[in-house]
N, C-alpha and C. Protein backbone atom coordinates (compact mmCIF):
# COMPACT_ATOMS: atom_id res chain seq x y z
N MET A 1 53.30 163.28 155.18
CA MET A 1 54.64 163.73 155.48
C MET A 1 55.44 162.55 156.01
N VAL A 2 56.68 162.43 155.55
CA VAL A 2 57.57 161.37 156.00
C VAL A 2 58.14 161.76 157.36
N VAL A 3 58.02 160.85 158.31
CA VAL A 3 58.56 161.11 159.64
C VAL A 3 59.88 160.40 159.75
N ASP A 4 60.93 161.16 160.01
CA ASP A 4 62.27 160.61 160.12
C ASP A 4 62.89 161.14 161.40
N SER A 5 63.43 160.25 162.21
CA SER A 5 64.02 160.68 163.47
C SER A 5 65.35 161.40 163.25
N HIS A 6 65.97 161.21 162.11
CA HIS A 6 67.22 161.88 161.79
C HIS A 6 66.92 163.15 161.00
N ARG A 7 66.95 164.25 161.70
CA ARG A 7 66.63 165.53 161.07
C ARG A 7 67.84 166.45 161.17
N ARG A 8 67.99 167.32 160.17
CA ARG A 8 69.07 168.28 160.16
C ARG A 8 68.53 169.65 159.78
N ARG A 9 69.16 170.65 160.30
CA ARG A 9 68.80 172.02 159.93
C ARG A 9 69.37 172.33 158.56
N ALA A 10 68.63 173.12 157.81
CA ALA A 10 69.11 173.60 156.52
C ALA A 10 68.76 175.08 156.40
N HIS A 11 69.72 175.85 156.02
CA HIS A 11 69.49 177.28 155.83
C HIS A 11 68.90 177.44 154.43
N VAL A 12 67.68 177.93 154.34
CA VAL A 12 66.99 178.09 153.07
C VAL A 12 66.78 179.57 152.82
N VAL A 13 67.16 180.02 151.64
CA VAL A 13 66.98 181.42 151.27
C VAL A 13 65.90 181.48 150.19
N MET A 14 64.92 182.37 150.42
CA MET A 14 63.85 182.53 149.44
C MET A 14 63.38 183.97 149.47
N PRO A 15 62.69 184.40 148.41
CA PRO A 15 62.20 185.78 148.38
C PRO A 15 61.27 186.08 149.55
N ASP A 16 61.35 187.31 150.04
CA ASP A 16 60.56 187.73 151.19
C ASP A 16 59.07 187.56 150.95
N ASP A 17 58.58 187.90 149.76
CA ASP A 17 57.15 187.79 149.49
C ASP A 17 56.68 186.34 149.52
N LEU A 18 57.53 185.42 149.08
CA LEU A 18 57.18 184.00 149.13
C LEU A 18 57.10 183.52 150.57
N LEU A 19 58.07 183.90 151.38
CA LEU A 19 58.07 183.51 152.79
C LEU A 19 56.86 184.10 153.51
N CYS A 20 56.52 185.35 153.21
CA CYS A 20 55.35 185.98 153.84
C CYS A 20 54.07 185.24 153.47
N GLU A 21 53.97 184.80 152.21
CA GLU A 21 52.77 184.05 151.81
C GLU A 21 52.70 182.70 152.51
N VAL A 22 53.82 182.02 152.62
CA VAL A 22 53.84 180.75 153.35
C VAL A 22 53.37 180.98 154.78
N ASP A 23 53.94 181.98 155.44
CA ASP A 23 53.57 182.27 156.82
C ASP A 23 52.10 182.63 156.95
N SER A 24 51.57 183.38 155.99
CA SER A 24 50.16 183.77 156.07
C SER A 24 49.23 182.59 155.87
N ARG A 25 49.69 181.59 155.14
CA ARG A 25 48.83 180.42 154.88
C ARG A 25 48.95 179.35 155.97
N VAL A 26 50.15 179.12 156.47
CA VAL A 26 50.32 178.02 157.43
C VAL A 26 50.83 178.47 158.79
N GLY A 27 51.28 179.70 158.89
CA GLY A 27 51.80 180.18 160.17
C GLY A 27 53.29 179.91 160.29
N ARG A 28 53.98 180.76 161.05
CA ARG A 28 55.43 180.62 161.20
C ARG A 28 55.84 179.30 161.84
N ARG A 29 55.01 178.82 162.76
CA ARG A 29 55.36 177.59 163.48
C ARG A 29 55.25 176.34 162.60
N ARG A 30 54.54 176.43 161.47
CA ARG A 30 54.41 175.27 160.57
C ARG A 30 55.20 175.47 159.29
N ARG A 31 56.06 176.48 159.26
CA ARG A 31 56.83 176.81 158.07
C ARG A 31 57.70 175.63 157.63
N SER A 32 58.47 175.04 158.52
CA SER A 32 59.37 173.94 158.17
C SER A 32 58.59 172.74 157.64
N GLU A 33 57.49 172.42 158.31
CA GLU A 33 56.67 171.29 157.87
C GLU A 33 56.14 171.53 156.46
N PHE A 34 55.67 172.75 156.20
CA PHE A 34 55.14 173.09 154.88
C PHE A 34 56.23 172.99 153.81
N ILE A 35 57.41 173.52 154.11
CA ILE A 35 58.50 173.47 153.14
C ILE A 35 58.91 172.02 152.90
N GLN A 36 58.97 171.22 153.94
CA GLN A 36 59.33 169.80 153.79
C GLN A 36 58.31 169.09 152.90
N GLU A 37 57.03 169.28 153.16
CA GLU A 37 56.00 168.63 152.35
C GLU A 37 56.07 169.10 150.90
N SER A 38 56.36 170.38 150.70
CA SER A 38 56.47 170.91 149.34
C SER A 38 57.64 170.28 148.59
N VAL A 39 58.76 170.14 149.26
CA VAL A 39 59.93 169.52 148.64
C VAL A 39 59.65 168.05 148.33
N GLU A 40 59.01 167.35 149.26
CA GLU A 40 58.67 165.94 149.03
C GLU A 40 57.75 165.80 147.81
N GLU A 41 56.77 166.68 147.71
CA GLU A 41 55.84 166.63 146.57
C GLU A 41 56.59 166.88 145.26
N LYS A 42 57.45 167.87 145.23
CA LYS A 42 58.22 168.17 144.03
C LYS A 42 59.12 167.01 143.65
N LEU A 43 59.77 166.39 144.63
CA LEU A 43 60.64 165.25 144.35
C LEU A 43 59.83 164.06 143.80
N ARG A 44 58.63 163.83 144.33
CA ARG A 44 57.76 162.77 143.79
C ARG A 44 57.46 163.02 142.32
N ARG A 45 57.14 164.28 141.98
CA ARG A 45 56.85 164.61 140.58
C ARG A 45 58.07 164.43 139.70
N LEU A 46 59.24 164.82 140.18
CA LEU A 46 60.46 164.64 139.39
C LEU A 46 60.75 163.16 139.16
N ARG A 47 60.57 162.33 140.20
CA ARG A 47 60.79 160.88 140.05
C ARG A 47 59.81 160.29 139.05
N LEU A 48 58.56 160.74 139.11
CA LEU A 48 57.54 160.25 138.18
C LEU A 48 57.90 160.63 136.75
N ALA A 49 58.32 161.87 136.54
CA ALA A 49 58.72 162.32 135.20
C ALA A 49 59.91 161.51 134.70
N GLU A 50 60.86 161.22 135.58
CA GLU A 50 62.01 160.40 135.19
C GLU A 50 61.56 158.99 134.81
N SER A 51 60.60 158.45 135.54
CA SER A 51 60.08 157.12 135.22
C SER A 51 59.42 157.12 133.85
N PHE A 52 58.64 158.15 133.57
CA PHE A 52 58.00 158.25 132.26
C PHE A 52 59.05 158.31 131.15
N GLN A 53 60.11 159.09 131.37
CA GLN A 53 61.16 159.21 130.36
C GLN A 53 61.84 157.87 130.09
N ARG A 54 61.98 157.05 131.13
CA ARG A 54 62.62 155.74 130.96
C ARG A 54 61.78 154.79 130.11
N VAL A 55 60.45 154.93 130.17
CA VAL A 55 59.60 153.98 129.44
C VAL A 55 59.09 154.52 128.11
N VAL A 56 59.33 155.79 127.84
CA VAL A 56 58.88 156.35 126.56
C VAL A 56 59.50 155.55 125.43
N GLY A 57 58.64 155.11 124.53
CA GLY A 57 59.12 154.35 123.38
C GLY A 57 59.36 152.89 123.65
N SER A 58 59.04 152.41 124.84
CA SER A 58 59.28 151.00 125.16
C SER A 58 58.30 150.09 124.44
N ILE A 59 57.18 150.64 124.01
CA ILE A 59 56.22 149.86 123.23
C ILE A 59 56.16 150.51 121.86
N ALA A 60 56.64 149.80 120.87
CA ALA A 60 56.65 150.34 119.51
C ALA A 60 55.22 150.45 118.99
N ASP A 61 55.00 151.38 118.08
CA ASP A 61 53.68 151.54 117.48
C ASP A 61 53.23 150.21 116.88
N GLY A 62 52.01 149.86 117.17
CA GLY A 62 51.43 148.65 116.61
C GLY A 62 51.66 147.40 117.43
N ASP A 63 52.49 147.47 118.47
CA ASP A 63 52.74 146.30 119.30
C ASP A 63 51.51 145.92 120.12
N VAL A 64 50.64 146.87 120.38
CA VAL A 64 49.44 146.62 121.18
C VAL A 64 48.23 147.03 120.34
N PRO A 65 47.57 146.07 119.73
CA PRO A 65 46.46 146.41 118.83
C PRO A 65 45.35 147.23 119.51
N GLU A 66 45.15 146.99 120.82
CA GLU A 66 44.09 147.72 121.53
C GLU A 66 44.40 149.21 121.63
N TRP A 67 45.64 149.62 121.39
CA TRP A 67 46.04 151.01 121.54
C TRP A 67 46.21 151.72 120.18
N GLU A 68 45.81 151.06 119.11
CA GLU A 68 46.03 151.64 117.78
C GLU A 68 45.24 152.91 117.56
N THR A 69 43.99 152.93 118.02
CA THR A 69 43.16 154.12 117.85
C THR A 69 42.52 154.46 119.19
N ARG A 70 42.01 155.66 119.26
CA ARG A 70 41.31 156.07 120.49
C ARG A 70 40.10 155.16 120.74
N GLU A 71 39.37 154.84 119.68
CA GLU A 71 38.18 154.00 119.81
C GLU A 71 38.54 152.59 120.28
N SER A 72 39.61 152.01 119.72
CA SER A 72 39.99 150.66 120.15
C SER A 72 40.47 150.66 121.60
N THR A 73 41.13 151.72 122.00
CA THR A 73 41.57 151.84 123.39
C THR A 73 40.38 151.96 124.33
N GLU A 74 39.40 152.81 123.96
CA GLU A 74 38.20 152.96 124.79
C GLU A 74 37.45 151.65 124.92
N GLU A 75 37.32 150.91 123.83
CA GLU A 75 36.62 149.61 123.87
C GLU A 75 37.37 148.62 124.75
N TRP A 76 38.68 148.60 124.64
CA TRP A 76 39.50 147.71 125.44
C TRP A 76 39.34 148.02 126.93
N LEU A 77 39.40 149.32 127.28
CA LEU A 77 39.22 149.71 128.68
C LEU A 77 37.81 149.37 129.18
N ARG A 78 36.81 149.60 128.34
CA ARG A 78 35.44 149.26 128.73
C ARG A 78 35.31 147.77 129.05
N SER A 79 35.92 146.93 128.21
CA SER A 79 35.82 145.48 128.45
C SER A 79 36.54 145.08 129.74
N ILE A 80 37.68 145.72 130.02
CA ILE A 80 38.39 145.42 131.27
C ILE A 80 37.54 145.83 132.46
N ARG A 81 36.96 147.02 132.40
CA ARG A 81 36.13 147.50 133.51
C ARG A 81 34.91 146.62 133.71
N GLN A 82 34.31 146.15 132.64
CA GLN A 82 33.16 145.25 132.76
C GLN A 82 33.57 143.96 133.45
N GLY A 83 34.76 143.48 133.13
CA GLY A 83 35.28 142.28 133.79
C GLY A 83 35.47 142.50 135.28
N TRP A 84 36.00 143.67 135.63
CA TRP A 84 36.17 143.99 137.05
C TRP A 84 34.83 144.05 137.76
N GLU A 85 33.85 144.70 137.11
CA GLU A 85 32.52 144.80 137.71
C GLU A 85 31.89 143.44 137.89
N SER A 86 32.06 142.56 136.89
CA SER A 86 31.51 141.19 136.99
C SER A 86 32.16 140.44 138.16
N GLU A 87 33.48 140.57 138.29
CA GLU A 87 34.19 139.91 139.39
C GLU A 87 33.72 140.43 140.74
N ARG A 88 33.56 141.75 140.82
CA ARG A 88 33.16 142.37 142.07
C ARG A 88 31.74 141.94 142.46
N SER A 89 30.84 141.92 141.49
CA SER A 89 29.46 141.55 141.82
C SER A 89 29.35 140.06 142.15
N SER A 90 30.14 139.22 141.49
CA SER A 90 30.08 137.79 141.81
C SER A 90 30.72 137.50 143.16
N SER A 91 31.76 138.24 143.53
CA SER A 91 32.39 138.01 144.84
C SER A 91 31.53 138.56 145.97
N SER A 92 30.81 139.65 145.72
CA SER A 92 29.95 140.20 146.78
C SER A 92 28.68 139.38 146.94
N SER A 93 28.21 138.75 145.87
CA SER A 93 27.00 137.94 146.01
C SER A 93 27.30 136.58 146.61
N GLY A 94 28.56 136.14 146.50
CA GLY A 94 28.96 134.87 147.06
C GLY A 94 29.32 134.94 148.52
N SER A 95 29.33 136.14 149.12
CA SER A 95 29.73 136.30 150.51
C SER A 95 28.63 135.95 151.45
């Protein structure tokens, strides 16, 4: 949860059954915190979706040979991971 010293009241209207479920899960005293965290989570997802929309199509088909097929992508990822593992084991053995 983001802690901000500048807080303001907001009148929020929602269905009674939804409010009752929130209260039953987190309690009335944690209602505002729960709603704030829920809004923050939703906003993160919206920002992420907007980011995806901005980059869709930024790499034309065929620009990345490793991504041409599922198999070539899997092999490419495997080789990257093996490189990471090699780096990690060489750095831990050199310590």
